[in-house]
Amino acid sequence: MGVVFSVERARFAQRAIASRVLESDALPSEVRYVAGVDVTYSGPRAIAAAAVVDTRTLRFVTSSVVELEVHVPYIPTLLAFREAGPMIAALRKLDLEPDVLIVDGNGRLHPLGAGIACQVGLAVDKPTIGVAKKLLCGEVGEWSGREAPVLLSGKVVGVALRTSFKPIYVSVGHKVSLLTAVALVSKLTRKGARLPEPLRLAHETATKYARRVF
């Protein structure tokens, strides 16, 4: 008999995670390699891919893919308990150590301040940024150019960033400030693209693998 997933225990864990997240920059002097990590599905199997990009050129460097069976159901705001494991496995399979991670999902932009980017960042102890395609919670404030703050209970928890016709939502995962997170995501997003290049390539890698294998 498998272990029954407990929402109550997961919420307790998220509160503990939130208390440990660092929202200040703990980056190397030069951020050269950034990895994006994303998950797609084929039935009960999760396909997680990590893709590394050189920040100087935006060129692809290396990637990895893992395939795992998942047993945790999809529950909004508890995505990390379903996808963090496959993401971490893909990151550990890389043959290069990235300086920063960009995770498909939220970090501090979460009802408890503990989205999947926080969980992954703490697990691997690396500067981590969350990038989401949909607004999970909070409200978008006044736009200034391409950016607008995302506020939750009066506190800024992320930034809505217009990289294309639809915004993305950037938030702190771990060991990075929101200002730096937004700057890095902007730098790594090609003109006309919606997602930063490491995340775009990770999504593409996972999707192609799923189509080829399944």
N, C-alpha and C. Protein backbone atom coordinates (compact mmCIF):
# COMPACT_ATOMS: atom_id res chain seq x y z
N MET A 1 0.85 -1.20 0.00
CA MET A 1 0.00 0.00 0.00
C MET A 1 0.89 1.25 0.00
N GLY A 2 0.58 2.21 -0.91
CA GLY A 2 1.37 3.43 -0.98
C GLY A 2 1.02 4.39 0.14
N VAL A 3 1.88 5.38 0.31
CA VAL A 3 1.65 6.40 1.32
C VAL A 3 0.58 7.36 0.82
N VAL A 4 -0.40 7.65 1.64
CA VAL A 4 -1.48 8.56 1.28
C VAL A 4 -0.97 10.00 1.41
N PHE A 5 -1.17 10.79 0.34
CA PHE A 5 -0.73 12.18 0.36
C PHE A 5 -1.60 12.99 1.32
N SER A 6 -0.96 13.74 2.20
CA SER A 6 -1.66 14.54 3.19
C SER A 6 -1.52 16.02 2.88
N VAL A 7 -2.63 16.67 2.57
CA VAL A 7 -2.61 18.10 2.30
C VAL A 7 -2.16 18.87 3.55
N GLU A 8 -2.62 18.42 4.71
CA GLU A 8 -2.27 19.10 5.95
C GLU A 8 -0.75 19.08 6.18
N ARG A 9 -0.13 17.92 5.97
CA ARG A 9 1.32 17.82 6.14
C ARG A 9 2.06 18.64 5.08
N ALA A 10 1.51 18.66 3.88
CA ALA A 10 2.13 19.45 2.81
C ALA A 10 2.11 20.93 3.15
N ARG A 11 1.00 21.40 3.70
CA ARG A 11 0.92 22.82 4.10
C ARG A 11 1.91 23.13 5.22
N PHE A 12 2.06 22.20 6.14
CA PHE A 12 3.03 22.38 7.23
C PHE A 12 4.44 22.49 6.64
N ALA A 13 4.74 21.62 5.68
CA ALA A 13 6.06 21.64 5.04
C ALA A 13 6.28 22.95 4.29
N GLN A 14 5.25 23.45 3.62
CA GLN A 14 5.38 24.71 2.89
C GLN A 14 5.69 25.88 3.82
N ARG A 15 5.08 25.89 4.98
CA ARG A 15 5.37 26.97 5.93
C ARG A 15 6.83 26.91 6.39
N ALA A 16 7.33 25.70 6.58
CA ALA A 16 8.74 25.53 6.96
C ALA A 16 9.65 25.98 5.82
N ILE A 17 9.29 25.63 4.60
CA ILE A 17 10.07 26.03 3.42
C ILE A 17 10.10 27.54 3.30
N ALA A 18 8.94 28.17 3.45
CA ALA A 18 8.85 29.63 3.32
C ALA A 18 9.77 30.34 4.30
N SER A 19 9.93 29.79 5.47
CA SER A 19 10.76 30.44 6.50
C SER A 19 12.25 30.35 6.19
N ARG A 20 12.64 29.47 5.27
CA ARG A 20 14.06 29.24 4.97
C ARG A 20 14.52 29.91 3.68
N VAL A 21 13.60 30.42 2.89
CA VAL A 21 13.97 31.03 1.61
C VAL A 21 14.74 32.33 1.83
N LEU A 22 15.82 32.50 1.07
CA LEU A 22 16.61 33.73 1.10
C LEU A 22 16.23 34.58 -0.11
N GLU A 23 15.89 35.84 0.13
CA GLU A 23 15.49 36.74 -0.95
C GLU A 23 16.56 37.78 -1.26
N SER A 24 17.81 37.46 -0.96
CA SER A 24 18.93 38.33 -1.30
C SER A 24 19.86 37.58 -2.24
N ASP A 25 20.66 38.32 -3.00
CA ASP A 25 21.53 37.70 -4.01
C ASP A 25 22.69 36.94 -3.38
N ALA A 26 22.79 35.68 -3.74
CA ALA A 26 23.93 34.84 -3.35
C ALA A 26 24.44 34.17 -4.62
N LEU A 27 24.81 35.02 -5.58
CA LEU A 27 25.19 34.57 -6.91
C LEU A 27 26.71 34.59 -7.07
N PRO A 28 27.24 33.77 -8.00
CA PRO A 28 28.67 33.88 -8.30
C PRO A 28 28.97 35.23 -8.94
N SER A 29 30.23 35.62 -8.96
CA SER A 29 30.60 36.93 -9.52
C SER A 29 30.21 37.05 -10.99
N GLU A 30 30.23 35.92 -11.71
CA GLU A 30 29.75 35.90 -13.09
C GLU A 30 28.74 34.76 -13.23
N VAL A 31 27.54 35.11 -13.66
CA VAL A 31 26.53 34.09 -13.96
C VAL A 31 26.72 33.69 -15.42
N ARG A 32 27.32 32.54 -15.63
CA ARG A 32 27.64 32.11 -17.00
C ARG A 32 26.62 31.10 -17.52
N TYR A 33 26.23 30.14 -16.68
CA TYR A 33 25.34 29.08 -17.13
C TYR A 33 24.04 29.08 -16.32
N VAL A 34 22.93 29.13 -17.03
CA VAL A 34 21.61 29.11 -16.39
C VAL A 34 20.82 27.92 -16.93
N ALA A 35 20.25 27.15 -16.02
CA ALA A 35 19.45 25.99 -16.40
C ALA A 35 17.97 26.28 -16.22
N GLY A 36 17.19 25.92 -17.22
CA GLY A 36 15.75 25.93 -17.09
C GLY A 36 15.28 24.52 -16.85
N VAL A 37 14.19 24.35 -16.10
CA VAL A 37 13.69 23.00 -15.83
C VAL A 37 12.17 23.00 -15.89
N ASP A 38 11.63 22.01 -16.61
CA ASP A 38 10.19 21.94 -16.86
C ASP A 38 9.75 20.48 -16.83
N VAL A 39 8.44 20.27 -16.64
CA VAL A 39 7.88 18.92 -16.57
C VAL A 39 6.67 18.84 -17.49
N THR A 40 6.60 17.73 -18.24
CA THR A 40 5.39 17.42 -18.99
C THR A 40 4.96 16.01 -18.60
N TYR A 41 3.81 15.57 -19.11
CA TYR A 41 3.27 14.28 -18.66
C TYR A 41 2.83 13.41 -19.83
N SER A 42 2.92 12.11 -19.59
CA SER A 42 2.30 11.13 -20.46
C SER A 42 1.63 10.12 -19.52
N GLY A 43 0.31 10.28 -19.35
CA GLY A 43 -0.39 9.47 -18.37
C GLY A 43 0.15 9.74 -16.98
N PRO A 44 0.48 8.68 -16.22
CA PRO A 44 0.98 8.87 -14.86
C PRO A 44 2.48 9.16 -14.80
N ARG A 45 3.13 9.22 -15.96
CA ARG A 45 4.58 9.41 -15.98
C ARG A 45 4.95 10.87 -16.23
N ALA A 46 5.85 11.37 -15.42
CA ALA A 46 6.36 12.72 -15.58
C ALA A 46 7.67 12.69 -16.35
N ILE A 47 7.79 13.56 -17.32
CA ILE A 47 9.04 13.72 -18.05
C ILE A 47 9.58 15.09 -17.69
N ALA A 48 10.70 15.11 -16.98
CA ALA A 48 11.32 16.37 -16.56
C ALA A 48 12.57 16.60 -17.39
N ALA A 49 12.74 17.80 -17.87
CA ALA A 49 13.92 18.15 -18.66
C ALA A 49 14.57 19.40 -18.09
N ALA A 50 15.90 19.38 -18.11
CA ALA A 50 16.69 20.56 -17.74
C ALA A 50 17.54 20.93 -18.95
N ALA A 51 17.61 22.21 -19.25
CA ALA A 51 18.40 22.69 -20.39
C ALA A 51 19.25 23.88 -19.95
N VAL A 52 20.52 23.85 -20.30
CA VAL A 52 21.46 24.89 -19.88
C VAL A 52 21.81 25.78 -21.06
N VAL A 53 21.84 27.09 -20.77
CA VAL A 53 22.16 28.10 -21.78
C VAL A 53 23.34 28.93 -21.29
N ASP A 54 24.19 29.33 -22.23
CA ASP A 54 25.30 30.24 -21.95
C ASP A 54 24.75 31.66 -21.97
N THR A 55 24.87 32.38 -20.87
CA THR A 55 24.28 33.72 -20.78
C THR A 55 24.95 34.71 -21.74
N ARG A 56 26.17 34.44 -22.17
CA ARG A 56 26.87 35.37 -23.07
C ARG A 56 26.29 35.34 -24.48
N THR A 57 25.81 34.17 -24.88
CA THR A 57 25.38 34.00 -26.28
C THR A 57 23.93 33.55 -26.42
N LEU A 58 23.33 33.10 -25.33
CA LEU A 58 21.99 32.48 -25.32
C LEU A 58 21.98 31.15 -26.08
N ARG A 59 23.16 30.58 -26.29
CA ARG A 59 23.24 29.31 -26.99
C ARG A 59 23.06 28.13 -26.03
N PHE A 60 22.45 27.08 -26.56
CA PHE A 60 22.27 25.83 -25.83
C PHE A 60 23.63 25.22 -25.50
N VAL A 61 23.76 24.68 -24.29
CA VAL A 61 25.01 24.06 -23.85
C VAL A 61 24.83 22.55 -23.65
N THR A 62 23.87 22.18 -22.83
CA THR A 62 23.64 20.77 -22.54
C THR A 62 22.24 20.59 -21.97
N SER A 63 21.77 19.34 -21.91
CA SER A 63 20.44 19.08 -21.36
C SER A 63 20.39 17.68 -20.76
N SER A 64 19.32 17.41 -20.04
CA SER A 64 19.09 16.09 -19.48
C SER A 64 17.59 15.85 -19.40
N VAL A 65 17.21 14.58 -19.42
CA VAL A 65 15.80 14.21 -19.32
C VAL A 65 15.67 13.02 -18.37
N VAL A 66 14.65 13.05 -17.52
CA VAL A 66 14.33 11.89 -16.70
C VAL A 66 12.84 11.59 -16.84
N GLU A 67 12.51 10.34 -16.65
CA GLU A 67 11.13 9.88 -16.74
C GLU A 67 10.78 9.14 -15.45
N LEU A 68 9.79 9.62 -14.74
CA LEU A 68 9.42 9.03 -13.46
C LEU A 68 7.91 8.89 -13.36
N GLU A 69 7.47 7.88 -12.64
CA GLU A 69 6.05 7.76 -12.36
C GLU A 69 5.70 8.61 -11.15
N VAL A 70 4.62 9.37 -11.25
CA VAL A 70 4.22 10.24 -10.13
C VAL A 70 2.96 9.69 -9.48
N HIS A 71 2.89 9.84 -8.17
CA HIS A 71 1.75 9.30 -7.42
C HIS A 71 0.98 10.39 -6.67
N VAL A 72 1.54 11.59 -6.65
CA VAL A 72 0.86 12.70 -5.96
C VAL A 72 -0.13 13.34 -6.94
N PRO A 73 -1.37 13.55 -6.52
CA PRO A 73 -2.35 14.15 -7.42
C PRO A 73 -2.05 15.63 -7.66
N TYR A 74 -2.60 16.15 -8.76
CA TYR A 74 -2.45 17.58 -9.00
C TYR A 74 -3.41 18.33 -8.08
N ILE A 75 -2.84 19.19 -7.24
CA ILE A 75 -3.64 20.04 -6.35
C ILE A 75 -3.09 21.45 -6.48
N PRO A 76 -3.90 22.42 -6.87
CA PRO A 76 -3.42 23.79 -7.00
C PRO A 76 -2.73 24.26 -5.72
N THR A 77 -1.62 24.97 -5.88
CA THR A 77 -0.75 25.51 -4.82
C THR A 77 0.10 24.43 -4.15
N LEU A 78 -0.07 23.15 -4.55
CA LEU A 78 0.76 22.06 -4.02
C LEU A 78 1.50 21.34 -5.15
N LEU A 79 1.73 22.07 -6.23
CA LEU A 79 2.37 21.49 -7.41
C LEU A 79 3.76 20.93 -7.10
N ALA A 80 4.47 21.56 -6.18
CA ALA A 80 5.85 21.13 -5.87
C ALA A 80 5.92 19.68 -5.42
N PHE A 81 4.91 19.22 -4.72
CA PHE A 81 4.94 17.84 -4.20
C PHE A 81 4.73 16.81 -5.31
N ARG A 82 4.32 17.28 -6.46
CA ARG A 82 4.15 16.42 -7.63
C ARG A 82 5.35 16.52 -8.58
N GLU A 83 5.89 17.74 -8.73
CA GLU A 83 6.87 17.98 -9.79
C GLU A 83 8.30 18.26 -9.31
N ALA A 84 8.49 18.63 -8.06
CA ALA A 84 9.84 18.99 -7.61
C ALA A 84 10.80 17.81 -7.71
N GLY A 85 10.32 16.60 -7.37
CA GLY A 85 11.18 15.41 -7.43
C GLY A 85 11.73 15.16 -8.83
N PRO A 86 10.87 15.09 -9.85
CA PRO A 86 11.37 14.93 -11.21
C PRO A 86 12.30 16.07 -11.65
N MET A 87 11.98 17.29 -11.27
CA MET A 87 12.84 18.42 -11.63
C MET A 87 14.23 18.27 -11.03
N ILE A 88 14.29 17.93 -9.76
CA ILE A 88 15.58 17.77 -9.08
C ILE A 88 16.38 16.63 -9.71
N ALA A 89 15.69 15.55 -10.07
CA ALA A 89 16.37 14.42 -10.71
C ALA A 89 16.98 14.84 -12.04
N ALA A 90 16.26 15.65 -12.83
CA ALA A 90 16.78 16.12 -14.11
C ALA A 90 17.99 17.03 -13.90
N LEU A 91 17.93 17.90 -12.91
CA LEU A 91 19.05 18.81 -12.63
C LEU A 91 20.28 18.02 -12.21
N ARG A 92 20.10 16.99 -11.41
CA ARG A 92 21.23 16.19 -10.93
C ARG A 92 21.85 15.34 -12.03
N LYS A 93 21.12 15.14 -13.10
CA LYS A 93 21.62 14.35 -14.23
C LYS A 93 22.46 15.19 -15.20
N LEU A 94 22.42 16.51 -15.07
CA LEU A 94 23.20 17.37 -15.96
C LEU A 94 24.69 17.10 -15.80
N ASP A 95 25.43 17.23 -16.90
CA ASP A 95 26.88 17.03 -16.83
C ASP A 95 27.63 18.35 -16.65
N LEU A 96 26.89 19.40 -16.31
CA LEU A 96 27.47 20.72 -16.04
C LEU A 96 26.71 21.34 -14.88
N GLU A 97 27.42 22.03 -14.02
CA GLU A 97 26.80 22.65 -12.84
C GLU A 97 26.36 24.08 -13.19
N PRO A 98 25.05 24.33 -13.28
CA PRO A 98 24.59 25.69 -13.60
C PRO A 98 24.78 26.65 -12.42
N ASP A 99 24.87 27.92 -12.75
CA ASP A 99 25.02 28.95 -11.71
C ASP A 99 23.67 29.35 -11.12
N VAL A 100 22.64 29.33 -11.95
CA VAL A 100 21.29 29.76 -11.56
C VAL A 100 20.28 28.83 -12.22
N LEU A 101 19.16 28.64 -11.55
CA LEU A 101 18.07 27.83 -12.08
C LEU A 101 16.84 28.69 -12.36
N ILE A 102 16.14 28.37 -13.43
CA ILE A 102 14.83 28.97 -13.70
C ILE A 102 13.83 27.83 -13.77
N VAL A 103 12.87 27.86 -12.89
CA VAL A 103 11.89 26.79 -12.75
C VAL A 103 10.55 27.21 -13.35
N ASP A 104 9.92 26.28 -14.05
CA ASP A 104 8.58 26.51 -14.58
C ASP A 104 7.59 26.43 -13.42
N GLY A 105 7.24 27.57 -12.86
CA GLY A 105 6.34 27.61 -11.72
C GLY A 105 6.69 28.81 -10.85
N ASN A 106 5.96 28.95 -9.77
CA ASN A 106 6.14 30.10 -8.89
C ASN A 106 7.12 29.84 -7.75
N GLY A 107 7.62 30.94 -7.22
CA GLY A 107 8.42 30.90 -6.00
C GLY A 107 7.63 31.56 -4.89
N ARG A 108 8.05 32.78 -4.54
CA ARG A 108 7.34 33.53 -3.50
C ARG A 108 5.93 33.93 -3.93
N LEU A 109 5.65 33.91 -5.20
CA LEU A 109 4.31 34.26 -5.68
C LEU A 109 3.41 33.04 -5.48
N HIS A 110 3.01 32.88 -4.23
CA HIS A 110 2.30 31.67 -3.78
C HIS A 110 1.58 32.04 -2.49
N PRO A 111 0.40 31.48 -2.22
CA PRO A 111 -0.33 31.86 -1.00
C PRO A 111 0.47 31.75 0.29
N LEU A 112 1.40 30.78 0.35
CA LEU A 112 2.22 30.62 1.55
C LEU A 112 3.68 31.04 1.32
N GLY A 113 3.95 31.64 0.15
CA GLY A 113 5.31 32.07 -0.14
C GLY A 113 6.27 30.93 -0.35
N ALA A 114 5.76 29.79 -0.81
CA ALA A 114 6.58 28.58 -0.91
C ALA A 114 6.22 27.76 -2.14
N GLY A 115 6.31 28.37 -3.31
CA GLY A 115 6.02 27.66 -4.54
C GLY A 115 7.13 26.70 -4.92
N ILE A 116 6.97 26.03 -6.05
CA ILE A 116 7.90 24.99 -6.46
C ILE A 116 9.32 25.50 -6.65
N ALA A 117 9.48 26.76 -7.09
CA ALA A 117 10.84 27.30 -7.26
C ALA A 117 11.55 27.41 -5.92
N CYS A 118 10.81 27.68 -4.86
CA CYS A 118 11.41 27.71 -3.52
C CYS A 118 11.83 26.32 -3.09
N GLN A 119 10.97 25.36 -3.32
CA GLN A 119 11.25 23.99 -2.90
C GLN A 119 12.45 23.41 -3.65
N VAL A 120 12.52 23.64 -4.95
CA VAL A 120 13.65 23.15 -5.74
C VAL A 120 14.93 23.87 -5.35
N GLY A 121 14.85 25.19 -5.20
CA GLY A 121 16.03 25.98 -4.83
C GLY A 121 16.63 25.56 -3.51
N LEU A 122 15.78 25.33 -2.52
CA LEU A 122 16.26 24.87 -1.22
C LEU A 122 16.84 23.47 -1.30
N ALA A 123 16.22 22.61 -2.08
CA ALA A 123 16.68 21.22 -2.18
C ALA A 123 18.07 21.11 -2.79
N VAL A 124 18.35 21.95 -3.79
CA VAL A 124 19.66 21.88 -4.46
C VAL A 124 20.59 22.99 -4.01
N ASP A 125 20.09 23.87 -3.15
CA ASP A 125 20.89 24.97 -2.57
C ASP A 125 21.52 25.83 -3.65
N LYS A 126 20.68 26.32 -4.56
CA LYS A 126 21.16 27.18 -5.64
C LYS A 126 20.24 28.38 -5.83
N PRO A 127 20.80 29.49 -6.35
CA PRO A 127 19.94 30.61 -6.71
C PRO A 127 18.90 30.14 -7.73
N THR A 128 17.64 30.40 -7.42
CA THR A 128 16.55 29.86 -8.23
C THR A 128 15.47 30.91 -8.44
N ILE A 129 14.95 30.94 -9.66
CA ILE A 129 13.92 31.90 -10.05
C ILE A 129 12.69 31.13 -10.52
N GLY A 130 11.52 31.58 -10.12
CA GLY A 130 10.28 31.00 -10.61
C GLY A 130 9.72 31.84 -11.74
N VAL A 131 9.29 31.18 -12.81
CA VAL A 131 8.63 31.85 -13.94
C VAL A 131 7.36 31.08 -14.26
N ALA A 132 6.23 31.74 -14.13
CA ALA A 132 4.93 31.11 -14.38
C ALA A 132 4.22 31.81 -15.54
N LYS A 133 3.41 31.05 -16.25
CA LYS A 133 2.69 31.61 -17.40
C LYS A 133 1.30 32.13 -17.00
N LYS A 134 0.84 31.72 -15.83
CA LYS A 134 -0.46 32.19 -15.34
C LYS A 134 -0.31 32.77 -13.94
N LEU A 135 -1.19 33.71 -13.61
CA LEU A 135 -1.15 34.32 -12.29
C LEU A 135 -1.85 33.41 -11.29
N LEU A 136 -1.09 32.90 -10.33
CA LEU A 136 -1.63 31.96 -9.34
C LEU A 136 -2.47 32.66 -8.28
N CYS A 137 -1.99 33.80 -7.82
CA CYS A 137 -2.67 34.53 -6.74
C CYS A 137 -2.21 35.98 -6.77
N GLY A 138 -2.83 36.80 -5.95
CA GLY A 138 -2.45 38.20 -5.89
C GLY A 138 -3.06 39.03 -7.00
N GLU A 139 -2.66 40.28 -7.05
CA GLU A 139 -3.18 41.22 -8.05
C GLU A 139 -2.02 41.96 -8.71
N VAL A 140 -2.17 42.21 -9.99
CA VAL A 140 -1.15 42.95 -10.73
C VAL A 140 -1.37 44.44 -10.51
N GLY A 141 -0.30 45.12 -10.10
CA GLY A 141 -0.38 46.55 -9.85
C GLY A 141 -0.21 47.37 -11.11
N GLU A 142 0.19 48.62 -10.94
CA GLU A 142 0.31 49.55 -12.06
C GLU A 142 1.54 49.22 -12.91
N TRP A 143 1.34 49.24 -14.22
CA TRP A 143 2.43 48.95 -15.14
C TRP A 143 3.36 50.13 -15.28
N SER A 144 4.65 49.84 -15.37
CA SER A 144 5.67 50.83 -15.68
C SER A 144 6.54 50.23 -16.77
N GLY A 145 6.28 50.63 -18.00
CA GLY A 145 6.97 49.99 -19.12
C GLY A 145 6.52 48.55 -19.26
N ARG A 146 7.46 47.62 -19.21
CA ARG A 146 7.14 46.20 -19.39
C ARG A 146 6.87 45.48 -18.08
N GLU A 147 6.94 46.18 -16.97
CA GLU A 147 6.86 45.52 -15.66
C GLU A 147 5.71 46.07 -14.80
N ALA A 148 5.18 45.19 -13.96
CA ALA A 148 4.18 45.59 -12.97
C ALA A 148 4.34 44.70 -11.75
N PRO A 149 4.23 45.27 -10.56
CA PRO A 149 4.36 44.43 -9.35
C PRO A 149 3.15 43.53 -9.19
N VAL A 150 3.37 42.36 -8.60
CA VAL A 150 2.27 41.49 -8.20
C VAL A 150 2.19 41.55 -6.69
N LEU A 151 1.03 41.94 -6.18
CA LEU A 151 0.87 42.13 -4.74
C LEU A 151 -0.07 41.11 -4.14
N LEU A 152 0.29 40.65 -2.95
CA LEU A 152 -0.54 39.73 -2.19
C LEU A 152 -0.60 40.25 -0.76
N SER A 153 -1.79 40.57 -0.30
CA SER A 153 -1.98 41.16 1.04
C SER A 153 -1.10 42.39 1.23
N GLY A 154 -1.00 43.19 0.17
CA GLY A 154 -0.25 44.44 0.24
C GLY A 154 1.25 44.31 0.09
N LYS A 155 1.76 43.09 -0.08
CA LYS A 155 3.20 42.86 -0.21
C LYS A 155 3.54 42.47 -1.63
N VAL A 156 4.66 43.00 -2.15
CA VAL A 156 5.12 42.62 -3.49
C VAL A 156 5.73 41.23 -3.43
N VAL A 157 5.15 40.28 -4.17
CA VAL A 157 5.62 38.89 -4.15
C VAL A 157 6.14 38.44 -5.51
N GLY A 158 6.06 39.31 -6.50
CA GLY A 158 6.53 38.95 -7.83
C GLY A 158 6.39 40.12 -8.77
N VAL A 159 6.73 39.88 -10.03
CA VAL A 159 6.63 40.91 -11.07
C VAL A 159 6.01 40.31 -12.31
N ALA A 160 5.01 40.99 -12.84
CA ALA A 160 4.47 40.62 -14.15
C ALA A 160 5.37 41.27 -15.19
N LEU A 161 5.83 40.49 -16.14
CA LEU A 161 6.80 40.96 -17.13
C LEU A 161 6.27 40.69 -18.53
N ARG A 162 6.16 41.75 -19.32
CA ARG A 162 5.69 41.61 -20.70
C ARG A 162 6.89 41.32 -21.60
N THR A 163 7.05 40.05 -21.95
CA THR A 163 8.10 39.66 -22.88
C THR A 163 7.53 39.48 -24.28
N SER A 164 6.21 39.27 -24.35
CA SER A 164 5.51 39.15 -25.63
C SER A 164 4.10 39.68 -25.42
N PHE A 165 3.14 39.19 -26.18
CA PHE A 165 1.78 39.71 -26.05
C PHE A 165 1.12 39.30 -24.75
N LYS A 166 1.61 38.24 -24.11
CA LYS A 166 1.10 37.82 -22.81
C LYS A 166 2.21 37.93 -21.77
N PRO A 167 1.91 38.43 -20.57
CA PRO A 167 2.97 38.54 -19.56
C PRO A 167 3.33 37.18 -18.96
N ILE A 168 4.51 37.12 -18.38
CA ILE A 168 4.90 36.01 -17.52
C ILE A 168 5.05 36.57 -16.11
N TYR A 169 5.13 35.69 -15.14
CA TYR A 169 5.15 36.12 -13.74
C TYR A 169 6.42 35.59 -13.07
N VAL A 170 7.27 36.52 -12.68
CA VAL A 170 8.59 36.20 -12.15
C VAL A 170 8.58 36.37 -10.64
N SER A 171 9.15 35.40 -9.92
CA SER A 171 9.26 35.54 -8.47
C SER A 171 10.52 34.86 -7.95
N VAL A 172 10.89 35.20 -6.75
CA VAL A 172 12.07 34.65 -6.10
C VAL A 172 11.83 33.20 -5.73
N GLY A 173 12.81 32.35 -6.05
CA GLY A 173 12.77 30.97 -5.57
C GLY A 173 13.65 30.82 -4.35
N HIS A 174 14.92 31.22 -4.48
CA HIS A 174 15.87 31.10 -3.36
C HIS A 174 17.18 31.78 -3.76
N LYS A 175 17.82 32.44 -2.82
CA LYS A 175 19.16 33.01 -2.98
C LYS A 175 19.27 34.02 -4.12
N VAL A 176 18.19 34.75 -4.38
CA VAL A 176 18.22 35.78 -5.41
C VAL A 176 17.20 36.85 -5.04
N SER A 177 17.51 38.09 -5.37
CA SER A 177 16.55 39.17 -5.12
C SER A 177 15.57 39.24 -6.28
N LEU A 178 14.43 39.84 -6.04
CA LEU A 178 13.42 39.97 -7.10
C LEU A 178 13.97 40.84 -8.23
N LEU A 179 14.71 41.89 -7.89
CA LEU A 179 15.30 42.77 -8.89
C LEU A 179 16.22 42.00 -9.82
N THR A 180 17.09 41.18 -9.25
CA THR A 180 18.02 40.37 -10.06
C THR A 180 17.28 39.32 -10.86
N ALA A 181 16.26 38.72 -10.27
CA ALA A 181 15.48 37.69 -10.97
C ALA A 181 14.86 38.26 -12.24
N VAL A 182 14.25 39.43 -12.13
CA VAL A 182 13.61 40.06 -13.29
C VAL A 182 14.66 40.43 -14.34
N ALA A 183 15.80 40.96 -13.88
CA ALA A 183 16.86 41.35 -14.82
C ALA A 183 17.40 40.15 -15.59
N LEU A 184 17.59 39.03 -14.89
CA LEU A 184 18.11 37.82 -15.55
C LEU A 184 17.11 37.24 -16.54
N VAL A 185 15.86 37.18 -16.13
CA VAL A 185 14.82 36.65 -17.03
C VAL A 185 14.72 37.52 -18.28
N SER A 186 14.77 38.83 -18.11
CA SER A 186 14.71 39.75 -19.25
C SER A 186 15.91 39.53 -20.18
N LYS A 187 17.09 39.41 -19.60
CA LYS A 187 18.31 39.22 -20.38
C LYS A 187 18.29 37.92 -21.17
N LEU A 188 17.68 36.89 -20.60
CA LEU A 188 17.71 35.56 -21.21
C LEU A 188 16.53 35.28 -22.13
N THR A 189 15.69 36.27 -22.36
CA THR A 189 14.53 36.09 -23.24
C THR A 189 14.80 36.73 -24.59
N ARG A 190 14.76 35.92 -25.62
CA ARG A 190 14.99 36.43 -26.98
C ARG A 190 13.86 37.37 -27.40
N LYS A 191 14.16 38.30 -28.25
CA LYS A 191 13.16 39.24 -28.75
C LYS A 191 12.02 38.49 -29.42
N GLY A 192 10.80 38.78 -29.00
CA GLY A 192 9.62 38.13 -29.58
C GLY A 192 9.22 36.85 -28.89
N ALA A 193 10.10 36.31 -28.03
CA ALA A 193 9.78 35.07 -27.31
C ALA A 193 9.06 35.41 -26.01
N ARG A 194 8.29 34.48 -25.51
CA ARG A 194 7.59 34.70 -24.25
C ARG A 194 8.43 34.24 -23.06
N LEU A 195 9.09 33.09 -23.20
CA LEU A 195 9.83 32.50 -22.09
C LEU A 195 11.32 32.74 -22.21
N PRO A 196 12.03 32.82 -21.08
CA PRO A 196 13.49 32.88 -21.15
C PRO A 196 14.04 31.62 -21.81
N GLU A 197 15.14 31.76 -22.53
CA GLU A 197 15.66 30.68 -23.37
C GLU A 197 15.88 29.36 -22.62
N PRO A 198 16.45 29.36 -21.40
CA PRO A 198 16.63 28.06 -20.73
C PRO A 198 15.31 27.33 -20.49
N LEU A 199 14.28 28.07 -20.13
CA LEU A 199 12.98 27.45 -19.87
C LEU A 199 12.30 27.03 -21.17
N ARG A 200 12.44 27.83 -22.20
CA ARG A 200 11.87 27.48 -23.50
C ARG A 200 12.48 26.17 -24.01
N LEU A 201 13.80 26.04 -23.88
CA LEU A 201 14.48 24.83 -24.35
C LEU A 201 14.14 23.62 -23.48
N ALA A 202 13.99 23.83 -22.18
CA ALA A 202 13.61 22.72 -21.30
C ALA A 202 12.22 22.20 -21.66
N HIS A 203 11.30 23.11 -21.91
CA HIS A 203 9.95 22.72 -22.31
C HIS A 203 9.98 21.96 -23.64
N GLU A 204 10.75 22.47 -24.58
CA GLU A 204 10.87 21.83 -25.89
C GLU A 204 11.48 20.43 -25.78
N THR A 205 12.50 20.31 -24.94
CA THR A 205 13.17 19.02 -24.75
C THR A 205 12.23 17.99 -24.15
N ALA A 206 11.49 18.38 -23.10
CA ALA A 206 10.56 17.46 -22.45
C ALA A 206 9.44 17.05 -23.40
N THR A 207 8.92 18.00 -24.17
CA THR A 207 7.81 17.72 -25.08
C THR A 207 8.25 16.79 -26.20
N LYS A 208 9.43 17.04 -26.76
CA LYS A 208 9.94 16.18 -27.84
C LYS A 208 10.20 14.76 -27.35
N TYR A 209 10.72 14.65 -26.13
CA TYR A 209 10.98 13.31 -25.56
C TYR A 209 9.66 12.55 -25.40
N ALA A 210 8.65 13.24 -24.86
CA ALA A 210 7.36 12.59 -24.63
C ALA A 210 6.74 12.12 -25.94
N ARG A 211 6.86 12.93 -26.99
CA ARG A 211 6.30 12.55 -28.29
C ARG A 211 7.03 11.37 -28.90
N ARG A 212 8.35 11.36 -28.72
CA ARG A 212 9.16 10.29 -29.31
C ARG A 212 8.96 8.95 -28.61
N VAL A 213 8.87 9.00 -27.28
CA VAL A 213 8.80 7.77 -26.50
C VAL A 213 7.38 7.24 -26.39
N PHE A 214 6.41 8.14 -26.29
CA PHE A 214 5.04 7.70 -26.06
C PHE A 214 4.16 7.89 -27.30
